[in-house]
PDB file of N, CA and C in Angstrom:
ATOM      1  N   UNK A   1      19.720  14.842 -19.908  1.00  0.00           N
ATOM      2  CA  UNK A   1      18.552  14.212 -19.121  1.00  0.00           C
ATOM      3  C   UNK A   1      19.410  12.736 -19.217  1.00  0.00           C
ATOM      4  N   UNK A   2      19.117  12.154 -18.178  1.00  0.00           N
ATOM      5  CA  UNK A   2      19.625  10.600 -18.002  1.00  0.00           C
ATOM      6  C   UNK A   2      18.902   9.725 -18.961  1.00  0.00           C
ATOM      7  N   UNK A   3      19.246   8.631 -19.312  1.00  0.00           N
ATOM      8  CA  UNK A   3      18.814   7.632 -19.863  1.00  0.00           C
ATOM      9  C   UNK A   3      17.455   7.115 -19.331  1.00  0.00           C
ATOM     10  N   UNK A   4      17.439   6.968 -18.137  1.00  0.00           N
ATOM     11  CA  UNK A   4      16.664   6.411 -17.351  1.00  0.00           C
ATOM     12  C   UNK A   4      15.304   7.386 -17.281  1.00  0.00           C
ATOM     13  N   UNK A   5      15.674   8.603 -17.138  1.00  0.00           N
ATOM     14  CA  UNK A   5      14.540   9.708 -17.102  1.00  0.00           C
ATOM     15  C   UNK A   5      13.870   9.749 -18.624  1.00  0.00           C
ATOM     16  N   UNK A   6      14.716   9.627 -19.587  1.00  0.00           N
ATOM     17  CA  UNK A   6      13.954   9.629 -20.928  1.00  0.00           C
ATOM     18  C   UNK A   6      13.233   8.559 -21.017  1.00  0.00           C
ATOM     19  N   UNK A   7      13.543   7.389 -20.537  1.00  0.00           N
ATOM     20  CA  UNK A   7      12.648   6.009 -20.693  1.00  0.00           C
ATOM     21  C   UNK A   7      11.340   6.238 -19.893  1.00  0.00           C
ATOM     22  N   UNK A   8      11.520   6.886 -18.730  1.00  0.00           N
ATOM     23  CA  UNK A   8      10.207   7.063 -17.980  1.00  0.00           C
ATOM     24  C   UNK A   8       9.425   8.275 -18.779  1.00  0.00           C
ATOM     25  N   UNK A   9       9.914   9.187 -19.471  1.00  0.00           N
ATOM     26  CA  UNK A   9       9.111  10.226 -20.205  1.00  0.00           C
ATOM     27  C   UNK A   9       8.491   9.218 -21.504  1.00  0.00           C
ATOM     28  N   UNK A  10       9.188   8.361 -22.015  1.00  0.00           N
ATOM     29  CA  UNK A  10       8.600   7.806 -23.159  1.00  0.00           C
ATOM     30  C   UNK A  10       7.455   6.824 -22.536  1.00  0.00           C
ATOM     31  N   UNK A  11       7.591   6.140 -21.594  1.00  0.00           N
ATOM     32  CA  UNK A  11       6.526   5.390 -20.782  1.00  0.00           C
ATOM     33  C   UNK A  11       5.260   6.212 -20.593  1.00  0.00           C
ATOM     34  N   UNK A  12       5.451   7.253 -19.804  1.00  0.00           N
ATOM     35  CA  UNK A  12       4.422   8.098 -19.543  1.00  0.00           C
ATOM     36  C   UNK A  12       3.682   8.650 -20.734  1.00  0.00           C
ATOM     37  N   UNK A  13       4.407   8.799 -21.773  1.00  0.00           N
ATOM     38  CA  UNK A  13       3.597   9.398 -23.214  1.00  0.00           C
ATOM     39  C   UNK A  13       2.881   8.271 -23.554  1.00  0.00           C
ATOM     40  N   UNK A  14       3.467   6.968 -23.554  1.00  0.00           N
ATOM     41  CA  UNK A  14       2.627   5.798 -24.231  1.00  0.00           C
ATOM     42  C   UNK A  14       1.426   5.642 -23.376  1.00  0.00           C
ATOM     43  N   UNK A  15       1.437   5.556 -22.125  1.00  0.00           N
ATOM     44  CA  UNK A  15       0.449   5.345 -21.111  1.00  0.00           C
ATOM     45  C   UNK A  15      -0.602   6.590 -21.472  1.00  0.00           C
ATOM     46  N   UNK A  16      -0.267   7.944 -21.792  1.00  0.00           N
ATOM     47  CA  UNK A  16      -1.228   8.767 -21.887  1.00  0.00           C
ATOM     48  C   UNK A  16      -1.877   8.562 -23.401  1.00  0.00           C
ATOM     49  N   UNK A  17      -1.010   8.112 -24.467  1.00  0.00           N
ATOM     50  CA  UNK A  17      -1.666   7.903 -25.590  1.00  0.00           C
ATOM     51  C   UNK A  17      -2.737   6.593 -25.378  1.00  0.00           C
ATOM     52  N   UNK A  18      -2.394   5.729 -24.696  1.00  0.00           N
ATOM     53  CA  UNK A  18      -3.360   4.658 -24.458  1.00  0.00           C
ATOM     54  C   UNK A  18      -4.777   5.103 -23.646  1.00  0.00           C
ATOM     55  N   UNK A  19      -4.442   6.037 -22.774  1.00  0.00           N
ATOM     56  CA  UNK A  19      -5.639   6.546 -21.966  1.00  0.00           C
ATOM     57  C   UNK A  19      -6.447   7.415 -22.908  1.00  0.00           C
ATOM     58  N   UNK A  20      -5.880   8.080 -23.841  1.00  0.00           N
ATOM     59  CA  UNK A  20      -6.729   8.898 -24.589  1.00  0.00           C
ATOM     60  C   UNK A  20      -7.448   7.956 -25.730  1.00  0.00           C
ATOM     61  N   UNK A  21      -6.904   6.997 -26.166  1.00  0.00           N
ATOM     62  CA  UNK A  21      -7.458   5.986 -26.888  1.00  0.00           C
ATOM     63  C   UNK A  21      -8.695   5.360 -26.196  1.00  0.00           C
ATOM     64  N   UNK A  22      -8.648   5.046 -24.984  1.00  0.00           N
ATOM     65  CA  UNK A  22      -9.653   4.341 -24.195  1.00  0.00           C
ATOM     66  C   UNK A  22     -10.708   5.539 -23.837  1.00  0.00           C
ATOM     67  N   UNK A  23     -10.381   6.833 -23.748  1.00  0.00           N
ATOM     68  CA  UNK A  23     -11.385   7.661 -23.570  1.00  0.00           C
ATOM     69  C   UNK A  23     -12.293   8.188 -24.855  1.00  0.00           C
ATOM     70  N   UNK A  24     -11.646   7.802 -25.924  1.00  0.00           N
ATOM     71  CA  UNK A  24     -12.263   8.092 -27.362  1.00  0.00           C
ATOM     72  C   UNK A  24     -13.250   6.778 -27.475  1.00  0.00           C
ATOM     73  N   UNK A  25     -12.833   5.668 -27.026  1.00  0.00           N
ATOM     74  CA  UNK A  25     -13.719   4.451 -27.085  1.00  0.00           C
ATOM     75  C   UNK A  25     -14.929   4.495 -26.054  1.00  0.00           C
ATOM     76  N   UNK A  26     -14.632   5.109 -24.870  1.00  0.00           N
ATOM     77  CA  UNK A  26     -15.681   5.214 -23.821  1.00  0.00           C
ATOM     78  C   UNK A  26     -16.902   6.252 -24.475  1.00  0.00           C
ATOM     79  N   UNK A  27     -16.296   7.284 -25.051  1.00  0.00           N
ATOM     80  CA  UNK A  27     -17.160   8.185 -25.662  1.00  0.00           C
ATOM     81  C   UNK A  27     -18.035   7.474 -26.766  1.00  0.00           C
ATOM     82  N   UNK A  28     -17.343   6.817 -27.570  1.00  0.00           N
ATOM     83  CA  UNK A  28     -18.097   6.062 -28.767  1.00  0.00           C
ATOM     84  C   UNK A  28     -19.221   5.268 -28.150  1.00  0.00           C
ATOM     85  N   UNK A  29     -18.827   4.441 -27.185  1.00  0.00           N
ATOM     86  CA  UNK A  29     -19.742   3.521 -26.536  1.00  0.00           C
ATOM     87  C   UNK A  29     -20.894   4.204 -25.765  1.00  0.00           C
ATOM     88  N   UNK A  30     -20.572   5.258 -25.224  1.00  0.00           N
ATOM     89  CA  UNK A  30     -21.490   6.155 -24.571  1.00  0.00           C
ATOM     90  C   UNK A  30     -22.533   6.500 -25.523  1.00  0.00           C
ATOM     91  N   UNK A  31     -22.227   7.047 -26.513  1.00  0.00           N
ATOM     92  CA  UNK A  31     -22.972   7.693 -27.530  1.00  0.00           C
ATOM     93  C   UNK A  31     -24.076   6.587 -28.112  1.00  0.00           C
ATOM     94  N   UNK A  32     -23.558   5.267 -28.257  1.00  0.00           N
ATOM     95  CA  UNK A  32     -24.331   4.340 -28.639  1.00  0.00           C
ATOM     96  C   UNK A  32     -25.133   3.517 -27.359  1.00  0.00           C
ATOM     97  N   UNK A  33     -25.235   4.255 -26.342  1.00  0.00           N
ATOM     98  CA  UNK A  33     -25.957   3.698 -25.118  1.00  0.00           C
ATOM     99  C   UNK A  33     -25.374   2.396 -24.609  1.00  0.00           C
ATOM    100  N   UNK A  34     -24.066   2.017 -24.943  1.00  0.00           N
ATOM    101  CA  UNK A  34     -23.570   0.810 -24.432  1.00  0.00           C
ATOM    102  C   UNK A  34     -22.750   1.132 -23.165  1.00  0.00           C
ATOM    103  N   UNK A  35     -23.488   1.535 -22.222  1.00  0.00           N
ATOM    104  CA  UNK A  35     -22.720   2.173 -20.943  1.00  0.00           C
ATOM    105  C   UNK A  35     -21.664   1.195 -20.228  1.00  0.00           C
ATOM    106  N   UNK A  36     -21.962  -0.127 -20.334  1.00  0.00           N
ATOM    107  CA  UNK A  36     -21.218  -1.089 -19.639  1.00  0.00           C
ATOM    108  C   UNK A  36     -19.796  -1.100 -20.385  1.00  0.00           C
ATOM    109  N   UNK A  37     -19.709  -1.031 -21.763  1.00  0.00           N
ATOM    110  CA  UNK A  37     -18.425  -0.860 -22.454  1.00  0.00           C
ATOM    111  C   UNK A  37     -17.787   0.543 -22.263  1.00  0.00           C
ATOM    112  N   UNK A  38     -18.529   1.549 -22.202  1.00  0.00           N
ATOM    113  CA  UNK A  38     -18.163   2.905 -21.978  1.00  0.00           C
ATOM    114  C   UNK A  38     -17.302   2.678 -20.443  1.00  0.00           C
ATOM    115  N   UNK A  39     -18.126   2.226 -19.728  1.00  0.00           N
ATOM    116  CA  UNK A  39     -17.518   2.204 -18.258  1.00  0.00           C
ATOM    117  C   UNK A  39     -16.135   1.528 -18.224  1.00  0.00           C
ATOM    118  N   UNK A  40     -16.196   0.280 -18.908  1.00  0.00           N
ATOM    119  CA  UNK A  40     -14.960  -0.482 -19.169  1.00  0.00           C
ATOM    120  C   UNK A  40     -13.866   0.293 -19.525  1.00  0.00           C
ATOM    121  N   UNK A  41     -14.061   0.962 -20.713  1.00  0.00           N
ATOM    122  CA  UNK A  41     -13.014   1.982 -21.500  1.00  0.00           C
ATOM    123  C   UNK A  41     -12.580   3.113 -20.420  1.00  0.00           C
ATOM    124  N   UNK A  42     -13.657   3.756 -19.905  1.00  0.00           N
ATOM    125  CA  UNK A  42     -13.315   4.775 -18.942  1.00  0.00           C
ATOM    126  C   UNK A  42     -12.329   4.301 -17.887  1.00  0.00           C
ATOM    127  N   UNK A  43     -12.611   3.210 -17.144  1.00  0.00           N
ATOM    128  CA  UNK A  43     -12.022   2.503 -15.937  1.00  0.00           C
ATOM    129  C   UNK A  43     -10.461   2.200 -16.593  1.00  0.00           C
ATOM    130  N   UNK A  44     -10.450   1.606 -17.847  1.00  0.00           N
ATOM    131  CA  UNK A  44      -8.969   1.334 -18.378  1.00  0.00           C
ATOM    132  C   UNK A  44      -8.293   2.606 -18.592  1.00  0.00           C
ATOM    133  N   UNK A  45      -8.953   3.631 -19.077  1.00  0.00           N
ATOM    134  CA  UNK A  45      -8.164   4.900 -19.258  1.00  0.00           C
ATOM    135  C   UNK A  45      -7.662   5.560 -17.884  1.00  0.00           C
ATOM    136  N   UNK A  46      -8.399   5.218 -16.907  1.00  0.00           N
ATOM    137  CA  UNK A  46      -7.826   5.771 -15.744  1.00  0.00           C
ATOM    138  C   UNK A  46      -6.758   4.921 -15.109  1.00  0.00           C
ATOM    139  N   UNK A  47      -6.676   3.705 -15.535  1.00  0.00           N
ATOM    140  CA  UNK A  47      -5.491   2.831 -15.019  1.00  0.00           C
ATOM    141  C   UNK A  47      -4.278   3.215 -15.878  1.00  0.00           C
ATOM    142  N   UNK A  48      -4.537   3.715 -17.250  1.00  0.00           N
ATOM    143  CA  UNK A  48      -3.229   4.120 -18.039  1.00  0.00           C
ATOM    144  C   UNK A  48      -3.035   5.579 -17.388  1.00  0.00           C
ATOM    145  N   UNK A  49      -3.806   6.339 -17.115  1.00  0.00           N
ATOM    146  CA  UNK A  49      -3.376   7.731 -16.503  1.00  0.00           C
ATOM    147  C   UNK A  49      -2.543   7.537 -15.158  1.00  0.00           C
ATOM    148  N   UNK A  50      -2.941   6.514 -14.406  1.00  0.00           N
ATOM    149  CA  UNK A  50      -2.296   6.285 -13.157  1.00  0.00           C
ATOM    150  C   UNK A  50      -0.883   5.837 -13.324  1.00  0.00           C
ATOM    151  N   UNK A  51      -0.440   4.957 -14.422  1.00  0.00           N
ATOM    152  CA  UNK A  51       0.693   4.428 -14.794  1.00  0.00           C
ATOM    153  C   UNK A  51       1.457   5.749 -15.516  1.00  0.00           C
ATOM    154  N   UNK A  52       0.910   6.528 -16.295  1.00  0.00           N
ATOM    155  CA  UNK A  52       1.487   7.661 -16.932  1.00  0.00           C
ATOM    156  C   UNK A  52       1.966   8.719 -15.778  1.00  0.00           C
ATOM    157  N   UNK A  53       1.152   8.835 -14.648  1.00  0.00           N
ATOM    158  CA  UNK A  53       1.591   9.834 -13.666  1.00  0.00           C
ATOM    159  C   UNK A  53       2.882   9.224 -12.715  1.00  0.00           C
ATOM    160  N   UNK A  54       2.641   7.958 -12.764  1.00  0.00           N
ATOM    161  CA  UNK A  54       3.990   7.128 -11.980  1.00  0.00           C
ATOM    162  C   UNK A  54       5.032   7.408 -12.848  1.00  0.00           C
ATOM    163  N   UNK A  55       5.188   7.223 -14.068  1.00  0.00           N
ATOM    164  CA  UNK A  55       6.281   7.451 -14.988  1.00  0.00           C
ATOM    165  C   UNK A  55       6.934   8.695 -15.028  1.00  0.00           C
ATOM    166  N   UNK A  56       5.820   9.692 -14.911  1.00  0.00           N
ATOM    167  CA  UNK A  56       6.176  11.197 -15.083  1.00  0.00           C
ATOM    168  C   UNK A  56       6.936  11.464 -13.730  1.00  0.00           C
ATOM    169  N   UNK A  57       6.442  11.017 -12.505  1.00  0.00           N
ATOM    170  CA  UNK A  57       7.100  11.270 -11.300  1.00  0.00           C
ATOM    171  C   UNK A  57       8.557  10.555 -11.147  1.00  0.00           C
ATOM    172  N   UNK A  58       8.596   9.388 -11.816  1.00  0.00           N
ATOM    173  CA  UNK A  58       9.837   8.665 -11.739  1.00  0.00           C
ATOM    174  C   UNK A  58      10.815   9.365 -12.712  1.00  0.00           C
ATOM    175  N   UNK A  59      10.356   9.913 -13.740  1.00  0.00           N
ATOM    176  CA  UNK A  59      11.384  10.773 -14.652  1.00  0.00           C
ATOM    177  C   UNK A  59      11.740  11.941 -13.856  1.00  0.00           C
ATOM    178  N   UNK A  60      10.919  12.490 -13.142  1.00  0.00           N
ATOM    179  CA  UNK A  60      11.407  13.817 -12.608  1.00  0.00           C
ATOM    180  C   UNK A  60      12.430  13.469 -11.437  1.00  0.00           C
ATOM    181  N   UNK A  61      11.974  12.471 -10.739  1.00  0.00           N
ATOM    182  CA  UNK A  61      13.014  12.075  -9.771  1.00  0.00           C
ATOM    183  C   UNK A  61      14.280  11.617 -10.298  1.00  0.00           C
ATOM    184  N   UNK A  62      14.411  11.011 -11.504  1.00  0.00           N
ATOM    185  CA  UNK A  62      15.552  10.581 -11.943  1.00  0.00           C
ATOM    186  C   UNK A  62      16.472  11.786 -12.465  1.00  0.00           C
ATOM    187  N   UNK A  63      15.631  12.739 -13.185  1.00  0.00           N
ATOM    188  CA  UNK A  63      16.259  13.822 -13.532  1.00  0.00           C
ATOM    189  C   UNK A  63      17.035  14.882 -12.404  1.00  0.00           C
ATOM    190  N   UNK A  64      16.214  14.838 -11.339  1.00  0.00           N
ATOM    191  CA  UNK A  64      16.724  15.549 -10.237  1.00  0.00           C
ATOM    192  C   UNK A  64      17.982  14.803  -9.557  1.00  0.00           C
ATOM    193  N   UNK A  65      17.816  13.453  -9.443  1.00  0.00           N
ATOM    194  CA  UNK A  65      19.122  12.861  -8.998  1.00  0.00           C
ATOM    195  C   UNK A  65      20.338  12.838  -9.899  1.00  0.00           C
ATOM    196  N   UNK A  66      19.981  12.803 -11.188  1.00  0.00           N
ATOM    197  CA  UNK A  66      21.155  12.899 -12.267  1.00  0.00           C
ATOM    198  C   UNK A  66      21.792  14.246 -12.071  1.00  0.00           C
ATOM    199  N   UNK A  67      21.204  15.378 -11.652  1.00  0.00           N
ATOM    200  CA  UNK A  67      21.666  16.668 -11.415  1.00  0.00           C
ATOM    201  C   UNK A  67      22.018  16.861  -9.887  1.00  0.00           C
ATOM    202  N   UNK A  68      22.100  15.954  -9.141  1.00  0.00           N
ATOM    203  CA  UNK A  68      22.676  15.964  -7.893  1.00  0.00           C
ATOM    204  C   UNK A  68      21.578  16.574  -6.766  1.00  0.00           C
ATOM    205  N   UNK A  69      20.349  16.775  -7.270  1.00  0.00           N
ATOM    206  CA  UNK A  69      19.362  17.381  -6.109  1.00  0.00           C
ATOM    207  C   UNK A  69      18.655  16.179  -5.411  1.00  0.00           C
ATOM    208  N   UNK A  70      18.577  16.495  -4.200  1.00  0.00           N
ATOM    209  CA  UNK A  70      17.881  15.338  -3.339  1.00  0.00           C
ATOM    210  C   UNK A  70      16.500  15.522  -3.615  1.00  0.00           C
ATOM    211  N   UNK A  71      15.831  14.295  -3.464  1.00  0.00           N
ATOM    212  CA  UNK A  71      14.507  13.943  -3.602  1.00  0.00           C
ATOM    213  C   UNK A  71      14.051  13.506  -2.272  1.00  0.00           C
ATOM    214  N   UNK A  72      12.564  13.467  -2.060  1.00  0.00           N
ATOM    215  CA  UNK A  72      12.077  13.074  -0.849  1.00  0.00           C
ATOM    216  C   UNK A  72      12.382  11.824  -0.492  1.00  0.00           C
ATOM    217  N   UNK A  73      12.490  10.871  -1.373  1.00  0.00           N
ATOM    218  CA  UNK A  73      12.755   9.409  -1.208  1.00  0.00           C
ATOM    219  C   UNK A  73      14.236   9.350  -0.776  1.00  0.00           C
ATOM    220  N   UNK A  74      14.987  10.079  -1.355  1.00  0.00           N
ATOM    221  CA  UNK A  74      16.363  10.042  -1.082  1.00  0.00           C
ATOM    222  C   UNK A  74      16.744  10.534   0.151  1.00  0.00           C
ATOM    223  N   UNK A  75      15.982  11.303   0.816  1.00  0.00           N
ATOM    224  CA  UNK A  75      16.231  12.084   2.037  1.00  0.00           C
ATOM    225  C   UNK A  75      15.729  11.315   3.194  1.00  0.00           C
ATOM    226  N   UNK A  76      15.000  10.437   2.831  1.00  0.00           N
ATOM    227  CA  UNK A  76      14.500   9.327   4.088  1.00  0.00           C
ATOM    228  C   UNK A  76      15.538   8.152   4.202  1.00  0.00           C
ATOM    229  N   UNK A  77      16.391   8.167   3.288  1.00  0.00           N
ATOM    230  CA  UNK A  77      17.299   6.796   3.468  1.00  0.00           C
ATOM    231  C   UNK A  77      18.181   6.947   4.672  1.00  0.00           C
TER     232      UNK A  77
END
């Protein structure tokens, strides 16, 4: 695996961890009927999930390119 792919995998994992933390916080606030804070944490969790998905896709792309496979982005150039 390329160093770049590994870095993206690490970033994806970090964002998944952050998303899980915010989902737990959202659940706690929801149980306390603090819906505004729950919504804030749920929204933040979604942002981290979005970034995790991006890094996972970049890792896959980097891995494919490292092994000489064409990607959709490379095919458009």
